[in-house]
């Protein structure tokens, strides 16, 4: 018969033995799982190491796109929490249960399963952390990243499903909208970017360079052959005047001019107030080849005058003196209607210049008077070279404004500015004794030979001195332009065509003033200095020639100050066509006439 007290003790010992066996089995099972996990991680590490040894650059490219930039503080906290939870779980599993625990630990499948899950998660956290450091991603981490960045879901799933290295690379490529950032990162981080960059990236960069070059070409227009640029720059060098030649010629001209003015003031009553105005290409720094031509205007100031239009164009006028409180020196040249006899005044001026020249030590020859020419031309032989000096008689007119025919001209607002225009229009203008047609032709009782042509040569000189849109154009601190160089080339082209005997008859109606007027119109139309950059000399000269050819084809070149005055009205249509064709031939053959 069994003892009733021994039965409960025996049952308790049996239960405790079963609990110990159960715990021992759990520990053995957990140690086996831990060993398997550690072996798997070691095998994975050896596998990745072998891949890196085979192709380090490929392994880096595989690892980098799969890494998720996690802040250091955040990742550190995860590692610390994982380690702490692991230590706690291990310490709990290794501790022996107390008597109270043994009594209360009744077999409960739900509790045991929950405890096991918590322990498994605690053990898996360090493994996940280690794997994330080596570039691998586990399912829980992927799930968290998907929640944080849903846009990478498709890419990461494809990355997991890919098996070959090439497939992993293609999946890890950045999306198109991040291509520019990726390119910048590769360029700055990898010195071998050109070698290692994907072919598509290099192709896209070359395409962008081509497109930018095409845009630049479209903005600036078609570029001219480099050969033409070399020809034109060589011609510019050939047209430069040597300093010692310039110095010798200018000293000779200044000496003669001073002595002629002194003689006129002393021996001619109406020339006591005569003034000198240096104009023309030499003083505008536009003289080419040699300093052999000089224009000097000798002017008589008149204040109170009446101007009457003599022609329809508005360039020629008859000049009448108003009443003066005192007798005016020019009263001796007045008609009954108070108009000045330009022909008589020019004749006396010519005689006075001859007298002055006869007393000079220079070898001077006075040229015969040319019809409709307002100048007395001297040819001076100095140092074996011939210098031509034109003494031009003129009237200096002081008025509140320029004639009405100038209102639609002188368009420099977008080139030099409105302020410059207003300042220049406050200056006096000049009249020279010149007419068109027959000298005996009358207009309102005034014969043509007594007419005066308006002149703005002083304003032209000032414009060409301040030729830049910016105030520093062609100065030491500014950019150099090619406006004057283009004009020199056009003048030289006309000069060379005139010297050809087979073309001289057709070229007689053209002069350098046509070239200057063409340039003034071109500058007013293309006022920015960037449109006349010296580096674009060939393009700018071609454009200037196009403008000139258009004027010739239309046989219309308006005076820059008086648009109603056509400077080509005397040129025949055949001569204009001839010159236009000659210019086109030179353009199409890189200007053989310059060689």
Protein backbone atom coordinates (compact mmCIF):
# COMPACT_ATOMS: atom_id res chain seq x y z
CA UNK A 1 0.00 0.00 0.00
CA UNK A 2 1.53 3.26 -1.10
CA UNK A 3 2.31 6.19 1.17
CA UNK A 4 -0.03 9.17 0.45
CA UNK A 5 2.68 11.74 1.36
CA UNK A 6 5.26 10.26 -0.95
CA UNK A 7 3.03 10.46 -4.06
CA UNK A 8 2.94 14.28 -4.36
CA UNK A 9 6.71 14.53 -3.84
CA UNK A 10 7.29 11.92 -6.47
CA UNK A 11 5.00 13.73 -8.85
CA UNK A 12 6.82 17.02 -8.17
CA UNK A 13 10.21 15.40 -8.79
CA UNK A 14 8.88 14.00 -12.03
CA UNK A 15 7.61 17.41 -13.17
CA UNK A 16 10.85 19.18 -12.29
CA UNK A 17 12.79 16.52 -14.15
CA UNK A 18 10.61 17.05 -17.22
CA UNK A 19 11.11 20.82 -16.99
CA UNK A 20 14.88 20.43 -16.76
CA UNK A 21 14.86 18.10 -19.74
CA UNK A 22 12.75 20.56 -21.67
CA UNK A 23 15.08 23.48 -20.89
CA UNK A 24 18.12 21.38 -21.76
CA UNK A 25 16.59 20.51 -25.13
CA UNK A 26 15.81 24.18 -25.73
CA UNK A 27 19.38 25.19 -25.00
CA UNK A 28 20.77 22.50 -27.25
CA UNK A 29 18.39 23.48 -30.01
CA UNK A 30 19.29 27.18 -29.67
CA UNK A 31 23.03 26.45 -29.66
CA UNK A 32 22.59 24.36 -32.83
CA UNK A 33 20.69 27.25 -34.50
CA UNK A 34 23.34 29.73 -33.42
CA UNK A 35 26.10 27.51 -34.79
CA UNK A 36 24.25 27.13 -38.08
CA UNK A 37 23.74 30.91 -38.36
CA UNK A 38 27.39 31.58 -37.61
CA UNK A 39 28.48 29.00 -40.17
CA UNK A 40 26.16 30.53 -42.77
CA UNK A 41 27.54 34.03 -42.13
CA UNK A 42 31.12 32.73 -42.37
CA UNK A 43 30.35 30.95 -45.64
CA UNK A 44 28.70 34.13 -46.97
CA UNK A 45 31.74 36.19 -45.94
CA UNK A 46 34.12 33.77 -47.67
CA UNK A 47 31.93 33.83 -50.76
CA UNK A 48 31.92 37.67 -50.88
CA UNK A 49 35.67 37.77 -50.21
CA UNK A 50 36.29 35.48 -53.19
CA UNK A 51 34.10 37.74 -55.35
CA UNK A 52 36.08 40.82 -54.27
CA UNK A 53 39.37 39.10 -55.04
CA UNK A 54 38.15 38.27 -58.51
CA UNK A 55 37.05 41.83 -59.36
CA UNK A 56 37.39 44.45 -56.63
CA UNK A 57 35.86 47.17 -58.74
CA UNK A 58 32.80 45.05 -59.50
CA UNK A 59 32.31 44.17 -55.85
CA UNK A 60 32.47 47.80 -54.91
CA UNK A 61 29.91 48.68 -57.52
CA UNK A 62 27.70 45.87 -56.22
CA UNK A 63 28.02 46.88 -52.60
CA UNK A 64 27.59 50.60 -52.91
CA UNK A 65 24.18 50.80 -54.57
CA UNK A 66 22.80 48.23 -52.09
CA UNK A 67 23.88 50.18 -49.04
CA UNK A 68 21.32 52.39 -47.46
CA UNK A 69 22.71 55.64 -46.07
CA UNK A 70 21.75 55.33 -42.39
CA UNK A 71 22.81 58.02 -39.98
CA UNK A 72 25.67 56.91 -37.77
CA UNK A 73 23.88 57.74 -34.57
CA UNK A 74 20.83 55.72 -35.61
CA UNK A 75 22.82 52.64 -36.68
CA UNK A 76 24.91 52.80 -33.51
CA UNK A 77 21.81 52.85 -31.36
CA UNK A 78 20.45 49.80 -33.20
CA UNK A 79 23.72 47.91 -32.62
CA UNK A 80 23.81 48.83 -28.95
CA UNK A 81 20.21 47.81 -28.45
CA UNK A 82 20.77 44.54 -30.31
CA UNK A 83 23.85 43.68 -28.23
CA UNK A 84 22.08 44.57 -24.98
CA UNK A 85 19.05 42.45 -25.85
CA UNK A 86 21.31 39.54 -26.78
CA UNK A 87 23.18 39.74 -23.50
CA UNK A 88 19.93 39.90 -21.51
CA UNK A 89 18.45 36.96 -23.36
CA UNK A 90 21.59 34.85 -22.93
CA UNK A 91 21.83 35.69 -19.26
CA UNK A 92 18.19 34.72 -18.72
CA UNK A 93 18.63 31.47 -20.58
CA UNK A 94 21.74 30.55 -18.61
CA UNK A 95 20.32 31.41 -15.16
CA UNK A 96 18.84 28.50 -13.14
CA UNK A 97 15.17 28.89 -12.38
CA UNK A 98 14.28 29.51 -8.78
CA UNK A 99 11.90 27.36 -6.81
CA UNK A 100 9.11 29.85 -7.25
CA UNK A 101 9.72 29.83 -10.97
CA UNK A 102 9.80 26.04 -11.07
CA UNK A 103 6.49 25.94 -9.23
CA UNK A 104 4.86 28.50 -11.48
CA UNK A 105 6.28 27.19 -14.75
CA UNK A 106 3.42 25.00 -15.78
CA UNK A 107 3.67 23.76 -19.41
CA UNK A 108 2.12 26.54 -21.44
CA UNK A 109 2.60 26.34 -25.19
CA UNK A 110 1.60 29.92 -25.88
CA UNK A 111 4.02 31.37 -23.33
CA UNK A 112 6.86 29.11 -24.47
CA UNK A 113 6.27 30.08 -28.11
CA UNK A 114 6.27 33.83 -27.29
CA UNK A 115 9.44 33.51 -25.25
CA UNK A 116 11.14 31.60 -28.05
CA UNK A 117 10.16 34.20 -30.63
CA UNK A 118 11.56 37.01 -28.50
CA UNK A 119 14.79 35.15 -28.01
CA UNK A 120 15.08 34.40 -31.74
CA UNK A 121 14.55 38.07 -32.59
CA UNK A 122 17.16 39.09 -30.00
CA UNK A 123 19.66 36.66 -31.54
CA UNK A 124 18.87 37.67 -35.11
CA UNK A 125 19.47 41.39 -34.51
CA UNK A 126 23.27 41.17 -34.23
CA UNK A 127 23.34 39.02 -37.33
CA UNK A 128 21.31 41.61 -39.19
CA UNK A 129 23.62 44.37 -38.04
CA UNK A 130 26.69 42.48 -39.18
CA UNK A 131 25.13 41.72 -42.49
CA UNK A 132 24.09 45.30 -43.06
CA UNK A 133 27.66 46.40 -42.45
CA UNK A 134 28.92 44.03 -45.17
CA UNK A 135 26.30 45.20 -47.66
CA UNK A 136 23.66 42.45 -47.22
CA UNK A 137 20.01 43.23 -46.37
CA UNK A 138 17.65 41.06 -44.37
CA UNK A 139 13.91 40.96 -44.71
CA UNK A 140 13.05 43.04 -41.61
CA UNK A 141 15.48 45.81 -42.66
CA UNK A 142 14.14 45.76 -46.18
CA UNK A 143 10.66 46.10 -44.83
CA UNK A 144 11.64 49.13 -42.77
CA UNK A 145 13.33 50.74 -45.77
CA UNK A 146 10.32 50.15 -47.91
CA UNK A 147 8.26 51.95 -45.38
CA UNK A 148 10.70 54.87 -45.29
CA UNK A 149 11.34 55.06 -49.07
CA UNK A 150 8.58 53.43 -51.13
CA UNK A 151 10.16 54.63 -54.41
CA UNK A 152 12.94 52.02 -54.03
CA UNK A 153 10.58 49.04 -53.66
CA UNK A 154 10.78 47.84 -57.24
CA UNK A 155 14.54 48.29 -57.45
CA UNK A 156 15.25 46.34 -54.23
CA UNK A 157 12.95 43.48 -55.19
CA UNK A 158 14.67 43.16 -58.55
CA UNK A 159 18.03 43.35 -56.78
CA UNK A 160 17.06 40.40 -54.53
CA UNK A 161 15.81 38.36 -57.46
CA UNK A 162 18.91 38.93 -59.63
CA UNK A 163 21.52 36.18 -59.59
CA UNK A 164 24.28 37.32 -61.99
CA UNK A 165 26.64 40.19 -61.37
CA UNK A 166 25.71 42.04 -64.56
CA UNK A 167 22.02 41.88 -63.61
CA UNK A 168 22.81 43.31 -60.17
CA UNK A 169 24.69 46.21 -61.77
CA UNK A 170 21.88 47.06 -64.13
CA UNK A 171 19.32 46.98 -61.32
CA UNK A 172 21.50 49.14 -59.08
CA UNK A 173 21.75 51.92 -61.68
CA UNK A 174 20.28 55.25 -60.54
CA UNK A 175 17.09 56.38 -62.08
CA UNK A 176 17.13 58.81 -64.97
CA UNK A 177 16.11 61.78 -62.93
CA UNK A 178 19.25 61.28 -60.77
CA UNK A 179 21.64 60.83 -63.70
CA UNK A 180 23.12 64.31 -63.51
CA UNK A 181 23.86 63.93 -59.79
CA UNK A 182 25.36 60.48 -60.36
CA UNK A 183 27.56 61.82 -63.13
CA UNK A 184 28.81 64.60 -60.90
CA UNK A 185 29.56 62.13 -58.11
CA UNK A 186 31.50 59.84 -60.45
CA UNK A 187 33.40 62.75 -61.95
CA UNK A 188 34.60 64.13 -58.65
CA UNK A 189 35.10 60.88 -56.76
CA UNK A 190 36.71 58.72 -59.42
CA UNK A 191 39.83 60.02 -61.23
CA UNK A 192 39.37 57.30 -63.83
CA UNK A 193 35.88 58.49 -64.63
CA UNK A 194 36.55 58.69 -68.37
CA UNK A 195 37.75 55.11 -68.44
CA UNK A 196 35.18 53.54 -66.09
CA UNK A 197 32.12 55.66 -66.92
CA UNK A 198 29.35 53.82 -68.73
CA UNK A 199 29.40 54.23 -72.54
CA UNK A 200 25.96 55.82 -72.46
CA UNK A 201 27.19 58.50 -70.06
CA UNK A 202 30.12 59.42 -72.32
CA UNK A 203 27.80 59.49 -75.34
CA UNK A 204 25.37 61.81 -73.57
CA UNK A 205 28.18 64.19 -72.55
CA UNK A 206 29.52 64.31 -76.13
CA UNK A 207 26.00 65.00 -77.41
CA UNK A 208 25.65 67.88 -74.95
CA UNK A 209 28.98 69.34 -76.13
CA UNK A 210 27.86 69.14 -79.75
CA UNK A 211 24.55 70.82 -78.95
CA UNK A 212 26.27 73.64 -77.04
CA UNK A 213 28.65 74.17 -79.97
CA UNK A 214 25.71 74.27 -82.38
CA UNK A 215 23.94 76.84 -80.16
CA UNK A 216 27.07 79.03 -80.10
CA UNK A 217 27.38 78.83 -83.87
CA UNK A 218 23.70 79.68 -84.35
CA UNK A 219 24.01 82.68 -82.03
CA UNK A 220 27.06 84.14 -83.69
CA UNK A 221 26.10 83.12 -87.19
CA UNK A 222 28.14 81.10 -89.69
CA UNK A 223 31.88 81.36 -89.11
CA UNK A 224 34.21 82.35 -91.94
CA UNK A 225 37.07 80.19 -93.07
CA UNK A 226 40.24 80.71 -91.06
CA UNK A 227 42.10 81.38 -94.31
CA UNK A 228 40.09 84.54 -94.89
CA UNK A 229 40.78 85.75 -91.36
CA UNK A 230 44.52 85.31 -91.91
CA UNK A 231 44.34 87.17 -95.23
CA UNK A 232 42.47 90.12 -93.73
CA UNK A 233 44.71 90.41 -90.66
CA UNK A 234 47.80 90.27 -92.88
CA UNK A 235 46.28 93.04 -95.01
CA UNK A 236 45.61 95.17 -91.92
CA UNK A 237 49.26 94.82 -90.94
CA UNK A 238 50.28 95.88 -94.44
CA UNK A 239 48.04 98.98 -94.28
CA UNK A 240 49.58 100.29 -91.06
CA UNK A 241 51.57 103.50 -91.34
CA UNK A 242 55.05 103.56 -89.86
CA UNK A 243 55.51 105.98 -87.01
CA UNK A 244 58.49 107.83 -88.44
CA UNK A 245 56.66 108.33 -91.76
CA UNK A 246 53.63 109.66 -89.93
CA UNK A 247 55.78 111.99 -87.87
CA UNK A 248 57.66 113.37 -90.88
CA UNK A 249 54.52 113.91 -92.93
CA UNK A 250 52.51 115.54 -90.11
CA UNK A 251 55.33 117.95 -89.21
CA UNK A 252 55.56 119.04 -92.87
CA UNK A 253 51.78 119.53 -93.18
CA UNK A 254 51.53 121.42 -89.88
CA UNK A 255 54.33 123.78 -90.87
CA UNK A 256 52.75 124.58 -94.23
CA UNK A 257 49.29 125.03 -92.68
CA UNK A 258 50.56 127.41 -89.99
CA UNK A 259 52.28 129.60 -92.57
CA UNK A 260 49.29 129.66 -94.92
CA UNK A 261 46.94 130.69 -92.09
CA UNK A 262 49.36 133.40 -90.95
CA UNK A 263 49.57 134.78 -94.47
CA UNK A 264 45.76 134.80 -94.90
CA UNK A 265 45.21 136.65 -91.62
CA UNK A 266 47.77 139.30 -92.45
CA UNK A 267 46.97 139.88 -96.12
CA UNK A 268 43.26 139.09 -96.56
CA UNK A 269 40.76 141.32 -94.79
CA UNK A 270 37.93 138.82 -94.59
CA UNK A 271 40.26 136.07 -93.25
CA UNK A 272 41.27 137.76 -90.01
CA UNK A 273 39.05 135.41 -87.97
CA UNK A 274 39.86 132.30 -89.98
CA UNK A 275 40.05 129.03 -88.02
CA UNK A 276 41.61 125.64 -88.67
CA UNK A 277 39.57 122.43 -88.51
CA UNK A 278 41.50 119.20 -88.95
CA UNK A 279 39.26 116.62 -90.61
CA UNK A 280 39.64 113.67 -92.92
CA UNK A 281 40.99 110.15 -92.67
CA UNK A 282 44.41 111.05 -91.28
CA UNK A 283 42.98 112.85 -88.26
CA UNK A 284 40.35 110.14 -87.83
CA UNK A 285 43.12 107.53 -87.71
CA UNK A 286 41.74 105.89 -90.83
CA UNK A 287 44.55 106.58 -93.25
CA UNK A 288 45.90 103.51 -95.01
CA UNK A 289 49.20 102.59 -96.65
CA UNK A 290 51.00 105.93 -96.48
CA UNK A 291 50.40 109.38 -94.91
CA UNK A 292 50.11 111.06 -98.28
CA UNK A 293 46.71 112.82 -98.05
CA UNK A 294 45.61 115.51 -95.58
CA UNK A 295 42.39 117.54 -95.39
CA UNK A 296 42.44 120.91 -93.62
CA UNK A 297 39.28 123.02 -93.48
CA UNK A 298 39.82 126.77 -93.05
CA UNK A 299 36.55 128.27 -91.84
CA UNK A 300 35.05 131.73 -91.45
CA UNK A 301 32.59 132.05 -88.53
CA UNK A 302 29.11 133.42 -89.36
CA UNK A 303 26.35 133.74 -86.79
CA UNK A 304 23.27 135.39 -88.19
CA UNK A 305 22.44 133.68 -91.48
CA UNK A 306 19.38 132.50 -93.37
CA UNK A 307 19.52 129.13 -95.10
CA UNK A 308 17.35 128.35 -98.08
CA UNK A 309 17.16 124.88 -99.55
CA UNK A 310 18.76 124.75 -102.99
CA UNK A 311 17.98 121.16 -103.98
CA UNK A 312 15.28 118.63 -103.23
CA UNK A 313 17.54 116.38 -101.20
CA UNK A 314 18.32 118.98 -98.53
CA UNK A 315 22.12 118.81 -98.73
CA UNK A 316 22.72 122.09 -100.62
CA UNK A 317 21.72 125.59 -99.51
CA UNK A 318 21.99 129.21 -100.37
CA UNK A 319 23.35 131.35 -97.52
CA UNK A 320 22.21 134.92 -96.85
CA UNK A 321 23.67 137.19 -94.17
CA UNK A 322 21.28 138.95 -91.87
CA UNK A 323 21.73 142.54 -90.89
CA UNK A 324 24.61 143.16 -88.55
CA UNK A 325 25.09 146.22 -86.33
CA UNK A 326 28.59 146.54 -87.77
CA UNK A 327 29.90 145.86 -91.22
CA UNK A 328 30.67 142.16 -91.76
CA UNK A 329 33.90 141.09 -93.53
CA UNK A 330 31.88 138.98 -95.99
CA UNK A 331 29.75 141.90 -97.16
CA UNK A 332 32.01 142.20 -100.22
CA UNK A 333 30.67 138.85 -101.50
CA UNK A 334 26.95 139.58 -101.12
CA UNK A 335 24.42 139.69 -103.93
CA UNK A 336 21.54 142.12 -103.89
CA UNK A 337 19.43 139.60 -101.98
CA UNK A 338 22.22 139.28 -99.34
CA UNK A 339 23.18 135.79 -100.48
CA UNK A 340 26.89 135.01 -100.39
CA UNK A 341 28.60 134.46 -103.75
CA UNK A 342 30.35 131.19 -103.04
CA UNK A 343 32.18 131.09 -106.39
CA UNK A 344 33.72 134.55 -105.94
CA UNK A 345 34.72 133.86 -102.36
CA UNK A 346 36.39 130.56 -103.35
CA UNK A 347 38.29 132.26 -106.17
CA UNK A 348 39.83 134.85 -103.81
CA UNK A 349 40.64 132.17 -101.31
CA UNK A 350 42.51 130.22 -103.98
CA UNK A 351 44.58 133.26 -104.96
CA UNK A 352 45.47 133.98 -101.34
CA UNK A 353 46.69 130.42 -100.79
CA UNK A 354 48.86 130.61 -103.91
CA UNK A 355 50.55 133.75 -102.58
CA UNK A 356 51.22 132.11 -99.26
CA UNK A 357 52.71 128.97 -100.85
CA UNK A 358 55.12 130.92 -103.09
CA UNK A 359 56.99 132.16 -100.02
CA UNK A 360 57.56 128.69 -98.59
CA UNK A 361 60.82 126.70 -98.91
CA UNK A 362 59.02 123.48 -99.86
CA UNK A 363 58.65 122.11 -103.35
CA UNK A 364 54.94 122.69 -103.85
CA UNK A 365 52.80 122.34 -106.94
CA UNK A 366 49.21 123.71 -106.94
CA UNK A 367 46.81 121.44 -108.82
CA UNK A 368 44.42 122.82 -111.38
CA UNK A 369 40.99 123.73 -110.14
CA UNK A 370 38.48 120.94 -110.50
CA UNK A 371 34.84 121.62 -111.27
CA UNK A 372 32.58 121.61 -108.21
CA UNK A 373 35.59 121.10 -105.92
CA UNK A 374 35.70 123.31 -102.79
CA UNK A 375 39.41 122.71 -102.10
CA UNK A 376 42.77 124.10 -103.16
CA UNK A 377 45.02 121.07 -103.61
CA UNK A 378 48.77 121.25 -103.02
CA UNK A 379 51.29 118.53 -103.86
CA UNK A 380 54.37 118.72 -101.69
CA UNK A 381 57.52 116.71 -102.37
CA UNK A 382 59.21 115.93 -99.08
CA UNK A 383 61.96 113.31 -98.50
CA UNK A 384 61.35 111.90 -101.96
CA UNK A 385 57.62 111.36 -101.34
CA UNK A 386 54.58 113.29 -102.54
CA UNK A 387 52.09 114.58 -99.98
CA UNK A 388 48.69 115.95 -100.99
CA UNK A 389 47.10 118.73 -98.90
CA UNK A 390 43.54 119.92 -99.49
CA UNK A 391 42.77 123.37 -98.08
CA UNK A 392 38.97 123.54 -97.99
CA UNK A 393 37.14 126.85 -97.59
CA UNK A 394 34.17 126.69 -95.23
CA UNK A 395 31.63 128.65 -93.23
CA UNK A 396 31.17 127.90 -89.54
CA UNK A 397 27.45 128.34 -88.84
CA UNK A 398 26.18 129.00 -85.31
CA UNK A 399 22.51 128.15 -84.99
CA UNK A 400 20.21 126.90 -82.29
CA UNK A 401 19.58 123.69 -84.25
CA UNK A 402 20.62 121.82 -87.32
CA UNK A 403 18.52 122.10 -90.51
CA UNK A 404 15.17 120.31 -90.60
CA UNK A 405 16.43 117.74 -93.09
CA UNK A 406 18.63 116.21 -90.37
CA UNK A 407 15.72 115.28 -88.08
CA UNK A 408 15.34 111.74 -89.46
CA UNK A 409 19.08 111.12 -89.66
CA UNK A 410 22.00 110.78 -87.30
CA UNK A 411 20.56 107.65 -85.62
CA UNK A 412 23.10 106.93 -82.91
CA UNK A 413 20.66 106.54 -79.99
CA UNK A 414 21.17 102.78 -79.66
CA UNK A 415 24.85 103.02 -80.50
CA UNK A 416 26.43 105.95 -78.68
CA UNK A 417 23.39 107.06 -76.68
CA UNK A 418 20.94 109.93 -76.59
CA UNK A 419 23.15 112.10 -74.42
CA UNK A 420 26.03 111.93 -76.89
CA UNK A 421 23.62 112.72 -79.70
CA UNK A 422 22.24 115.77 -77.90
CA UNK A 423 25.74 117.07 -77.12
CA UNK A 424 26.87 116.72 -80.73
CA UNK A 425 23.77 118.42 -82.11
CA UNK A 426 24.53 121.50 -80.02
CA UNK A 427 27.74 121.99 -81.95
CA UNK A 428 27.90 124.26 -85.02
CA UNK A 429 27.83 122.81 -88.52
CA UNK A 430 29.79 123.79 -91.61
CA UNK A 431 29.09 124.76 -95.21
CA UNK A 432 31.55 124.36 -98.09
CA UNK A 433 31.25 125.95 -101.57
CA UNK A 434 30.13 122.95 -103.62
CA UNK A 435 27.31 122.37 -106.08
CA UNK A 436 25.91 119.69 -108.39
CA UNK A 437 25.03 119.85 -112.06
CA UNK A 438 25.83 122.88 -114.16
CA UNK A 439 27.14 125.97 -112.42
CA UNK A 440 24.88 128.32 -114.39
CA UNK A 441 21.69 126.56 -113.37
CA UNK A 442 19.48 128.79 -111.27
CA UNK A 443 17.15 128.11 -108.38
CA UNK A 444 15.07 131.00 -107.05
CA UNK A 445 17.48 133.50 -108.56
CA UNK A 446 20.59 131.78 -107.15
CA UNK A 447 22.99 130.05 -109.54
CA UNK A 448 24.30 126.62 -108.66
CA UNK A 449 27.93 127.74 -108.40
CA UNK A 450 26.94 129.98 -105.44
CA UNK A 451 25.40 127.12 -103.48
CA UNK A 452 26.89 125.59 -100.35
CA UNK A 453 26.88 121.99 -99.26
CA UNK A 454 26.36 121.16 -95.59
CA UNK A 455 29.20 119.28 -93.90
CA UNK A 456 29.34 117.30 -90.65
CA UNK A 457 32.95 116.18 -90.98
CA UNK A 458 33.77 117.34 -87.43
CA UNK A 459 30.91 115.21 -86.05
CA UNK A 460 32.07 112.22 -88.11
CA UNK A 461 35.52 112.60 -86.61
CA UNK A 462 34.08 112.73 -83.10
CA UNK A 463 31.87 109.70 -83.73
CA UNK A 464 34.81 107.63 -84.96
CA UNK A 465 36.87 108.69 -81.95
CA UNK A 466 34.05 107.56 -79.60
CA UNK A 467 33.10 104.64 -81.80
CA UNK A 468 32.34 102.15 -79.01
CA UNK A 469 29.01 101.43 -77.33
CA UNK A 470 30.99 101.10 -74.10
CA UNK A 471 33.15 104.03 -73.09
CA UNK A 472 36.25 101.82 -72.82
CA UNK A 473 36.09 100.27 -76.31
CA UNK A 474 39.60 99.84 -77.75
CA UNK A 475 41.18 101.43 -74.68
CA UNK A 476 43.84 99.74 -72.59
CA UNK A 477 41.25 98.45 -70.12
CA UNK A 478 38.59 97.65 -72.72
CA UNK A 479 37.94 95.15 -75.47
CA UNK A 480 39.20 95.90 -78.95
CA UNK A 481 36.69 96.14 -81.77
CA UNK A 482 37.22 95.96 -85.54
CA UNK A 483 35.05 98.87 -86.78
CA UNK A 484 37.94 100.94 -88.08
CA UNK A 485 39.72 97.88 -89.45
CA UNK A 486 36.65 96.98 -91.50
CA UNK A 487 36.48 100.50 -92.91
CA UNK A 488 40.19 100.43 -93.79
CA UNK A 489 39.72 97.14 -95.63
CA UNK A 490 36.75 98.49 -97.60
CA UNK A 491 38.64 101.67 -98.50
CA UNK A 492 41.62 99.60 -99.61
CA UNK A 493 39.37 97.38 -101.73
CA UNK A 494 37.94 100.42 -103.55
CA UNK A 495 41.42 101.88 -103.95
CA UNK A 496 42.79 98.68 -105.50
CA UNK A 497 39.85 98.41 -107.90
CA UNK A 498 40.35 102.03 -108.99
CA UNK A 499 44.02 101.42 -109.74
CA UNK A 500 43.08 98.65 -112.18
CA UNK A 501 43.06 100.34 -115.60
CA UNK A 502 40.37 98.01 -116.91
CA UNK A 503 38.06 99.11 -114.10
CA UNK A 504 39.00 102.77 -113.66
CA UNK A 505 36.20 104.14 -115.89
CA UNK A 506 33.53 102.26 -113.98
CA UNK A 507 35.01 103.29 -110.61
CA UNK A 508 35.19 107.05 -111.13
CA UNK A 509 31.91 107.76 -109.31
CA UNK A 510 32.92 106.02 -106.08
CA UNK A 511 35.04 107.37 -103.26
CA UNK A 512 36.09 106.61 -99.70
CA UNK A 513 33.16 108.64 -98.33
CA UNK A 514 30.79 105.95 -99.62
CA UNK A 515 32.70 103.42 -97.54
CA UNK A 516 32.61 105.63 -94.43
CA UNK A 517 28.84 106.21 -94.76
CA UNK A 518 28.26 102.48 -95.13
CA UNK A 519 30.17 101.88 -91.90
CA UNK A 520 28.21 104.56 -90.01
CA UNK A 521 24.90 102.96 -91.03
CA UNK A 522 26.22 99.52 -90.05
CA UNK A 523 27.34 100.75 -86.62
CA UNK A 524 23.97 102.38 -85.98
CA UNK A 525 22.25 99.10 -86.89
CA UNK A 526 24.68 96.88 -84.98
CA UNK A 527 25.58 99.08 -82.04
CA UNK A 528 26.85 96.54 -79.50
CA UNK A 529 30.61 96.15 -79.23
CA UNK A 530 30.24 92.35 -79.12
CA UNK A 531 28.99 92.50 -82.71
CA UNK A 532 32.31 94.07 -83.74
CA UNK A 533 34.74 91.96 -81.72
CA UNK A 534 38.20 91.99 -83.25
CA UNK A 535 38.33 88.19 -83.05
CA UNK A 536 35.40 88.19 -85.53
CA UNK A 537 37.09 90.49 -88.07
CA UNK A 538 36.36 88.22 -91.05
CA UNK A 539 32.66 87.88 -90.20
CA UNK A 540 32.26 91.61 -89.53
CA UNK A 541 33.96 92.57 -92.79
CA UNK A 542 31.76 90.17 -94.73
CA UNK A 543 28.67 91.73 -93.15
CA UNK A 544 29.89 95.23 -94.02
CA UNK A 545 30.43 94.15 -97.63
CA UNK A 546 26.93 92.69 -97.72
CA UNK A 547 25.57 96.06 -96.61
CA UNK A 548 27.57 97.89 -99.26
CA UNK A 549 26.49 95.49 -102.02
CA UNK A 550 22.84 96.00 -101.04
CA UNK A 551 23.29 99.76 -101.39
CA UNK A 552 24.89 99.25 -104.80
CA UNK A 553 22.20 96.86 -106.04
CA UNK A 554 19.52 99.33 -105.00
CA UNK A 555 21.63 102.31 -106.09
CA UNK A 556 20.69 104.01 -102.85
CA UNK A 557 23.07 105.07 -100.06
CA UNK A 558 21.46 107.69 -97.77
CA UNK A 559 23.58 110.41 -96.23
CA UNK A 560 24.02 109.48 -92.56
CA UNK A 561 22.88 112.93 -91.41
CA UNK A 562 20.42 113.76 -94.19
CA UNK A 563 18.53 110.59 -95.21
CA UNK A 564 16.86 112.32 -98.15
CA UNK A 565 20.25 112.84 -99.79
CA UNK A 566 21.27 109.81 -101.87
CA UNK A 567 25.05 109.65 -102.22
CA UNK A 568 24.77 107.31 -105.24
CA UNK A 569 22.46 109.51 -107.27
CA UNK A 570 25.30 110.42 -109.65
CA UNK A 571 26.48 106.82 -110.12
CA UNK A 572 25.01 105.01 -113.11
CA UNK A 573 23.18 101.69 -112.64
CA UNK A 574 25.79 99.91 -114.77
CA UNK A 575 28.66 101.21 -112.63
CA UNK A 576 26.87 100.14 -109.43
CA UNK A 577 26.27 96.65 -110.82
CA UNK A 578 29.87 96.46 -111.96
CA UNK A 579 31.23 97.31 -108.52
CA UNK A 580 28.80 94.92 -106.81
CA UNK A 581 29.95 92.04 -109.05
CA UNK A 582 33.60 92.91 -108.50
CA UNK A 583 33.10 92.80 -104.72
CA UNK A 584 31.25 89.48 -104.93
CA UNK A 585 34.10 88.00 -106.94
CA UNK A 586 36.63 89.09 -104.34
CA UNK A 587 34.48 87.69 -101.51
CA UNK A 588 34.09 84.31 -103.20
CA UNK A 589 37.84 83.99 -103.80
CA UNK A 590 39.25 85.21 -100.47
CA UNK A 591 40.22 88.63 -101.89
CA UNK A 592 43.08 87.91 -104.29
CA UNK A 593 43.35 91.67 -104.84
CA UNK A 594 44.80 92.03 -101.33
CA UNK A 595 47.78 89.78 -102.04
